[in-house]
Amino acid sequence: MTTAHVEKFAELVGKDPALAAKLGMDKVNADAASAAAFIANSVKEAKALGLEFTEDELNAFMAAEKRAAAIGELSDRQLEGVSGGLSAKRLAQL
């Protein structure tokens, strides 16, 4: 796995509301079970798309994204999304 696979998958999810819904993204912050299901579903879906990463790698990526948001900064990926035209609502979900 490379970080690039996680980033590519996050980009795909950010651009595809149906995929985000399929993975349970709308419930990822509801509770630990929903977050765990989102992670597991994401790893499986990514693998089906030819993107390989572990649950731990996705957790680390998501934690880094949350840290950046908590201090009011955009991550590199989020900055790219802004320049590419993703809406603020979709960015907040990532």
Protein backbone atom coordinates (compact mmCIF):
# COMPACT_ATOMS: atom_id res chain seq x y z
CA MET A 1 0.00 0.00 0.00
CA THR A 2 0.97 3.52 -0.50
CA THR A 3 -0.56 6.62 0.97
CA ALA A 4 -1.51 7.41 -2.61
CA HIS A 5 -4.05 4.57 -2.58
CA VAL A 6 -5.79 5.95 0.50
CA GLU A 7 -5.77 9.45 -0.97
CA LYS A 8 -7.12 8.21 -4.31
CA PHE A 9 -9.91 6.33 -2.56
CA ALA A 10 -10.80 9.40 -0.48
CA GLU A 11 -10.94 11.39 -3.70
CA LEU A 12 -13.27 8.83 -5.29
CA VAL A 13 -15.56 8.84 -2.25
CA GLY A 14 -15.57 12.64 -2.21
CA LYS A 15 -16.69 12.78 -5.82
CA ASP A 16 -19.30 10.01 -5.65
CA PRO A 17 -22.20 10.54 -3.23
CA ALA A 18 -23.60 7.08 -4.04
CA LEU A 19 -20.31 5.44 -3.03
CA ALA A 20 -20.17 7.53 0.14
CA ALA A 21 -23.69 6.41 1.03
CA LYS A 22 -22.88 2.78 0.23
CA LEU A 23 -19.93 2.90 2.63
CA GLY A 24 -22.00 4.50 5.40
CA MET A 25 -20.10 7.77 5.40
CA ASP A 26 -23.11 9.66 6.76
CA LYS A 27 -22.95 7.54 9.93
CA VAL A 28 -19.17 7.41 10.40
CA ASN A 29 -19.27 9.83 13.35
CA ALA A 30 -22.39 8.35 14.96
CA ASP A 31 -20.68 5.70 17.09
CA ALA A 32 -17.73 3.32 17.19
CA ALA A 33 -19.62 0.50 15.46
CA SER A 34 -20.59 2.77 12.55
CA ALA A 35 -17.02 4.02 12.22
CA ALA A 36 -15.68 0.46 12.25
CA ALA A 37 -18.21 -0.59 9.60
CA PHE A 38 -17.24 2.37 7.44
CA ILE A 39 -13.55 1.45 7.70
CA ALA A 40 -14.15 -2.23 6.91
CA ASN A 41 -16.49 -1.41 4.01
CA SER A 42 -13.99 1.10 2.64
CA VAL A 43 -11.10 -1.36 2.65
CA LYS A 44 -13.22 -3.96 0.83
CA GLU A 45 -14.56 -1.49 -1.73
CA ALA A 46 -11.11 -0.03 -2.35
CA LYS A 47 -9.70 -3.49 -2.98
CA ALA A 48 -12.44 -4.13 -5.52
CA LEU A 49 -11.31 -0.93 -7.25
CA GLY A 50 -7.67 -2.04 -7.25
CA LEU A 51 -6.59 0.16 -4.34
CA GLU A 52 -4.83 -1.65 -1.49
CA PHE A 53 -4.57 -0.35 2.08
CA THR A 54 -5.26 -1.65 5.56
CA GLU A 55 -7.80 -0.56 8.14
CA ASP A 56 -4.96 0.87 10.23
CA GLU A 57 -3.71 2.93 7.29
CA LEU A 58 -7.18 4.31 6.63
CA ASN A 59 -7.63 5.09 10.33
CA ALA A 60 -4.33 6.99 10.34
CA PHE A 61 -5.36 8.94 7.24
CA MET A 62 -8.73 9.85 8.75
CA ALA A 63 -7.09 10.89 12.03
CA ALA A 64 -4.73 13.19 10.15
CA GLU A 65 -7.66 14.73 8.29
CA LYS A 66 -9.51 15.31 11.57
CA ARG A 67 -6.44 16.87 13.19
CA ALA A 68 -6.09 19.30 10.29
CA ALA A 69 -9.77 20.20 10.54
CA ALA A 70 -9.59 20.64 14.32
CA ILE A 71 -6.90 23.27 14.05
CA GLY A 72 -8.68 25.02 11.23
CA GLU A 73 -6.32 24.04 8.47
CA LEU A 74 -7.00 22.18 5.29
CA SER A 75 -5.00 19.07 4.54
CA ASP A 76 -3.10 18.86 1.27
CA ARG A 77 -5.87 16.66 -0.14
CA GLN A 78 -8.55 19.09 0.94
CA LEU A 79 -6.66 21.98 -0.63
CA GLU A 80 -6.53 20.05 -3.88
CA GLY A 81 -10.27 19.45 -3.59
CA VAL A 82 -10.96 23.14 -3.16
CA SER A 83 -8.90 23.98 -6.22
CA GLY A 84 -10.71 21.20 -8.07
CA GLY A 85 -14.12 22.53 -7.12
CA LEU A 86 -15.43 20.21 -4.38
CA SER A 87 -18.11 21.86 -2.32
CA ALA A 88 -17.47 22.88 1.28
CA LYS A 89 -20.12 20.38 2.43
CA ARG A 90 -18.35 17.47 0.71
CA LEU A 91 -14.98 18.62 2.07
CA ALA A 92 -16.37 18.68 5.59
CA GLN A 93 -17.49 15.07 5.17
CA LEU A 94 -14.01 13.99 4.13
